[in-house]
Amino acid sequence: MKRVIVHIDSLVLKGFHHEDRHAIAEGLQRELAQLFADPQATRQLMAVGNRSRMRVSSIQIDPGSRPQGVGTEVARGIGKEIKP
């Protein structure tokens, strides 16, 4: 069994309330865990290798989204960046 360790040193999200940071992080963590539970996604991540920085393309956040939903969408954006 292989293990995937993702370390996010900093996450820059502009235009969000400071007090929402923990809920955004929770949504991000939960969605990344689901994403990397898929063996194919894990193989793709391993193929990418170590990255010091990853920029995610624009993501669509619906007006009125809850902070956890924002984290979920950010994780999905990350997932799109690791797929070939």
N, C-alpha and C. Protein backbone atom coordinates (compact mmCIF):
# COMPACT_ATOMS: atom_id res chain seq x y z
N MET A 1 0.84 -1.19 0.00
CA MET A 1 0.00 0.00 0.00
C MET A 1 0.89 1.24 0.00
N LYS A 2 0.62 2.15 -0.90
CA LYS A 2 1.37 3.40 -0.97
C LYS A 2 0.62 4.47 -0.22
N ARG A 3 1.37 5.41 0.29
CA ARG A 3 0.79 6.53 1.01
C ARG A 3 1.06 7.81 0.27
N VAL A 4 0.09 8.66 0.24
CA VAL A 4 0.25 9.97 -0.38
C VAL A 4 0.21 10.99 0.74
N ILE A 5 1.23 11.81 0.78
CA ILE A 5 1.27 12.89 1.77
C ILE A 5 1.27 14.20 1.01
N VAL A 6 0.28 15.01 1.29
CA VAL A 6 0.17 16.32 0.66
C VAL A 6 0.39 17.35 1.75
N HIS A 7 1.36 18.21 1.53
CA HIS A 7 1.64 19.28 2.48
C HIS A 7 1.36 20.61 1.80
N ILE A 8 0.42 21.33 2.35
CA ILE A 8 0.10 22.65 1.82
C ILE A 8 0.63 23.66 2.82
N ASP A 9 1.70 24.31 2.46
CA ASP A 9 2.33 25.29 3.35
C ASP A 9 1.47 26.54 3.47
N SER A 10 0.97 27.00 2.34
CA SER A 10 0.09 28.16 2.38
C SER A 10 -0.90 28.05 1.23
N LEU A 11 -2.05 28.59 1.47
CA LEU A 11 -3.12 28.61 0.48
C LEU A 11 -3.60 30.05 0.40
N VAL A 12 -3.48 30.64 -0.76
CA VAL A 12 -3.85 32.05 -0.92
C VAL A 12 -5.22 32.12 -1.59
N LEU A 13 -6.18 32.61 -0.84
CA LEU A 13 -7.54 32.81 -1.35
C LEU A 13 -7.90 34.26 -1.10
N LYS A 14 -8.07 35.00 -2.13
CA LYS A 14 -8.39 36.43 -1.99
C LYS A 14 -9.90 36.63 -1.98
N GLY A 15 -10.35 37.56 -1.15
CA GLY A 15 -11.75 37.93 -1.13
C GLY A 15 -12.61 37.15 -0.16
N PHE A 16 -11.99 36.40 0.76
CA PHE A 16 -12.74 35.62 1.74
C PHE A 16 -12.48 36.16 3.13
N HIS A 17 -13.45 35.96 4.01
CA HIS A 17 -13.30 36.41 5.39
C HIS A 17 -12.28 35.54 6.12
N HIS A 18 -11.46 36.19 6.92
CA HIS A 18 -10.43 35.50 7.70
C HIS A 18 -11.03 34.41 8.59
N GLU A 19 -12.18 34.67 9.16
CA GLU A 19 -12.79 33.70 10.07
C GLU A 19 -13.32 32.45 9.36
N ASP A 20 -13.37 32.47 8.04
CA ASP A 20 -13.83 31.30 7.28
C ASP A 20 -12.70 30.33 6.94
N ARG A 21 -11.48 30.68 7.29
CA ARG A 21 -10.31 29.90 6.86
C ARG A 21 -10.35 28.45 7.31
N HIS A 22 -10.81 28.19 8.54
CA HIS A 22 -10.83 26.81 9.04
C HIS A 22 -11.87 25.96 8.31
N ALA A 23 -13.02 26.54 8.03
CA ALA A 23 -14.05 25.80 7.30
C ALA A 23 -13.61 25.55 5.86
N ILE A 24 -12.96 26.51 5.24
CA ILE A 24 -12.44 26.32 3.88
C ILE A 24 -11.41 25.20 3.89
N ALA A 25 -10.51 25.22 4.87
CA ALA A 25 -9.48 24.17 4.98
C ALA A 25 -10.11 22.80 5.20
N GLU A 26 -11.17 22.75 5.98
CA GLU A 26 -11.85 21.48 6.24
C GLU A 26 -12.45 20.91 4.96
N GLY A 27 -13.12 21.74 4.18
CA GLY A 27 -13.68 21.30 2.91
C GLY A 27 -12.59 20.84 1.95
N LEU A 28 -11.49 21.56 1.93
CA LEU A 28 -10.35 21.22 1.08
C LEU A 28 -9.78 19.86 1.48
N GLN A 29 -9.56 19.67 2.75
CA GLN A 29 -8.99 18.42 3.25
C GLN A 29 -9.91 17.23 2.95
N ARG A 30 -11.18 17.39 3.19
CA ARG A 30 -12.13 16.30 2.97
C ARG A 30 -12.18 15.90 1.49
N GLU A 31 -12.23 16.90 0.60
CA GLU A 31 -12.32 16.60 -0.83
C GLU A 31 -11.02 16.00 -1.36
N LEU A 32 -9.87 16.49 -0.88
CA LEU A 32 -8.59 15.90 -1.31
C LEU A 32 -8.49 14.45 -0.86
N ALA A 33 -8.96 14.15 0.34
CA ALA A 33 -8.93 12.77 0.82
C ALA A 33 -9.77 11.87 -0.09
N GLN A 34 -10.92 12.35 -0.51
CA GLN A 34 -11.76 11.57 -1.43
C GLN A 34 -11.08 11.42 -2.79
N LEU A 35 -10.49 12.50 -3.27
CA LEU A 35 -9.82 12.48 -4.56
C LEU A 35 -8.68 11.45 -4.56
N PHE A 36 -7.86 11.47 -3.53
CA PHE A 36 -6.69 10.59 -3.51
C PHE A 36 -7.01 9.18 -3.02
N ALA A 37 -8.26 8.92 -2.68
CA ALA A 37 -8.68 7.55 -2.38
C ALA A 37 -8.79 6.75 -3.67
N ASP A 38 -8.89 7.44 -4.80
CA ASP A 38 -8.95 6.80 -6.11
C ASP A 38 -7.54 6.43 -6.55
N PRO A 39 -7.26 5.14 -6.76
CA PRO A 39 -5.89 4.72 -7.14
C PRO A 39 -5.37 5.41 -8.39
N GLN A 40 -6.23 5.70 -9.36
CA GLN A 40 -5.78 6.37 -10.58
C GLN A 40 -5.29 7.78 -10.27
N ALA A 41 -6.00 8.50 -9.42
CA ALA A 41 -5.57 9.85 -9.04
C ALA A 41 -4.24 9.80 -8.30
N THR A 42 -4.06 8.78 -7.48
CA THR A 42 -2.81 8.63 -6.75
C THR A 42 -1.65 8.39 -7.71
N ARG A 43 -1.87 7.54 -8.71
CA ARG A 43 -0.81 7.29 -9.71
C ARG A 43 -0.46 8.56 -10.47
N GLN A 44 -1.48 9.34 -10.81
CA GLN A 44 -1.23 10.59 -11.53
C GLN A 44 -0.45 11.57 -10.66
N LEU A 45 -0.78 11.63 -9.40
CA LEU A 45 -0.05 12.51 -8.48
C LEU A 45 1.40 12.07 -8.36
N MET A 46 1.63 10.78 -8.27
CA MET A 46 3.00 10.28 -8.17
C MET A 46 3.78 10.58 -9.45
N ALA A 47 3.11 10.54 -10.59
CA ALA A 47 3.77 10.85 -11.86
C ALA A 47 4.20 12.31 -11.91
N VAL A 48 3.41 13.17 -11.30
CA VAL A 48 3.73 14.59 -11.27
C VAL A 48 4.97 14.83 -10.40
N GLY A 49 5.09 14.08 -9.31
CA GLY A 49 6.24 14.21 -8.42
C GLY A 49 6.13 15.42 -7.51
N ASN A 50 7.24 15.73 -6.89
CA ASN A 50 7.27 16.87 -5.97
C ASN A 50 7.14 18.18 -6.73
N ARG A 51 6.36 19.05 -6.17
CA ARG A 51 6.22 20.40 -6.73
C ARG A 51 6.37 21.39 -5.60
N SER A 52 7.12 22.42 -5.86
CA SER A 52 7.27 23.45 -4.84
C SER A 52 6.09 24.41 -4.87
N ARG A 53 5.43 24.48 -6.02
CA ARG A 53 4.30 25.40 -6.15
C ARG A 53 3.35 24.87 -7.22
N MET A 54 2.07 25.04 -6.97
CA MET A 54 1.07 24.66 -7.96
C MET A 54 0.05 25.80 -8.05
N ARG A 55 -0.11 26.28 -9.24
CA ARG A 55 -1.14 27.30 -9.48
C ARG A 55 -2.35 26.59 -10.07
N VAL A 56 -3.48 26.91 -9.53
CA VAL A 56 -4.72 26.29 -9.98
C VAL A 56 -5.43 27.28 -10.88
N SER A 57 -5.93 26.78 -12.00
CA SER A 57 -6.69 27.63 -12.92
C SER A 57 -7.90 28.19 -12.20
N SER A 58 -8.56 29.13 -12.83
CA SER A 58 -9.77 29.71 -12.24
C SER A 58 -10.76 28.62 -11.89
N ILE A 59 -11.40 28.82 -10.78
CA ILE A 59 -12.47 27.91 -10.39
C ILE A 59 -13.73 28.74 -10.17
N GLN A 60 -14.85 28.12 -10.39
CA GLN A 60 -16.12 28.80 -10.25
C GLN A 60 -16.68 28.58 -8.85
N ILE A 61 -16.89 29.65 -8.13
CA ILE A 61 -17.50 29.60 -6.80
C ILE A 61 -18.85 30.30 -6.92
N ASP A 62 -19.90 29.57 -6.62
CA ASP A 62 -21.23 30.16 -6.69
C ASP A 62 -21.40 31.19 -5.60
N PRO A 63 -22.07 32.30 -5.91
CA PRO A 63 -22.35 33.31 -4.88
C PRO A 63 -23.15 32.65 -3.75
N GLY A 64 -22.78 32.98 -2.53
CA GLY A 64 -23.48 32.42 -1.38
C GLY A 64 -22.99 31.04 -0.97
N SER A 65 -21.91 30.55 -1.61
CA SER A 65 -21.38 29.24 -1.23
C SER A 65 -20.88 29.28 0.21
N ARG A 66 -21.07 28.19 0.90
CA ARG A 66 -20.55 28.08 2.26
C ARG A 66 -19.04 27.88 2.19
N PRO A 67 -18.32 28.25 3.25
CA PRO A 67 -16.87 28.12 3.24
C PRO A 67 -16.38 26.70 2.94
N GLN A 68 -17.04 25.68 3.47
CA GLN A 68 -16.62 24.30 3.18
C GLN A 68 -16.76 23.99 1.69
N GLY A 69 -17.79 24.55 1.07
CA GLY A 69 -17.98 24.37 -0.37
C GLY A 69 -16.88 25.03 -1.17
N VAL A 70 -16.37 26.15 -0.67
CA VAL A 70 -15.24 26.82 -1.32
C VAL A 70 -14.03 25.89 -1.28
N GLY A 71 -13.77 25.29 -0.12
CA GLY A 71 -12.65 24.35 0.01
C GLY A 71 -12.80 23.16 -0.93
N THR A 72 -14.02 22.68 -1.07
CA THR A 72 -14.28 21.57 -1.97
C THR A 72 -13.94 21.94 -3.41
N GLU A 73 -14.35 23.12 -3.84
CA GLU A 73 -14.07 23.56 -5.21
C GLU A 73 -12.58 23.78 -5.44
N VAL A 74 -11.88 24.28 -4.43
CA VAL A 74 -10.43 24.45 -4.55
C VAL A 74 -9.77 23.09 -4.74
N ALA A 75 -10.20 22.09 -3.96
CA ALA A 75 -9.64 20.74 -4.08
C ALA A 75 -9.90 20.17 -5.46
N ARG A 76 -11.07 20.40 -5.99
CA ARG A 76 -11.38 19.92 -7.34
C ARG A 76 -10.49 20.60 -8.37
N GLY A 77 -10.19 21.88 -8.16
CA GLY A 77 -9.26 22.58 -9.04
C GLY A 77 -7.87 21.97 -8.99
N ILE A 78 -7.44 21.61 -7.79
CA ILE A 78 -6.14 20.93 -7.64
C ILE A 78 -6.17 19.59 -8.38
N GLY A 79 -7.27 18.87 -8.23
CA GLY A 79 -7.41 17.59 -8.91
C GLY A 79 -7.28 17.73 -10.42
N LYS A 80 -7.84 18.78 -10.98
CA LYS A 80 -7.75 19.00 -12.42
C LYS A 80 -6.30 19.27 -12.84
N GLU A 81 -5.53 19.89 -11.97
CA GLU A 81 -4.13 20.23 -12.30
C GLU A 81 -3.24 19.01 -12.32
N ILE A 82 -3.58 17.95 -11.57
CA ILE A 82 -2.69 16.78 -11.55
C ILE A 82 -3.04 15.77 -12.63
N LYS A 83 -4.19 15.94 -13.26
CA LYS A 83 -4.57 15.01 -14.32
C LYS A 83 -3.90 15.42 -15.62
N PRO A 84 -3.42 14.41 -16.37
CA PRO A 84 -2.73 14.74 -17.63
C PRO A 84 -3.67 15.28 -18.69
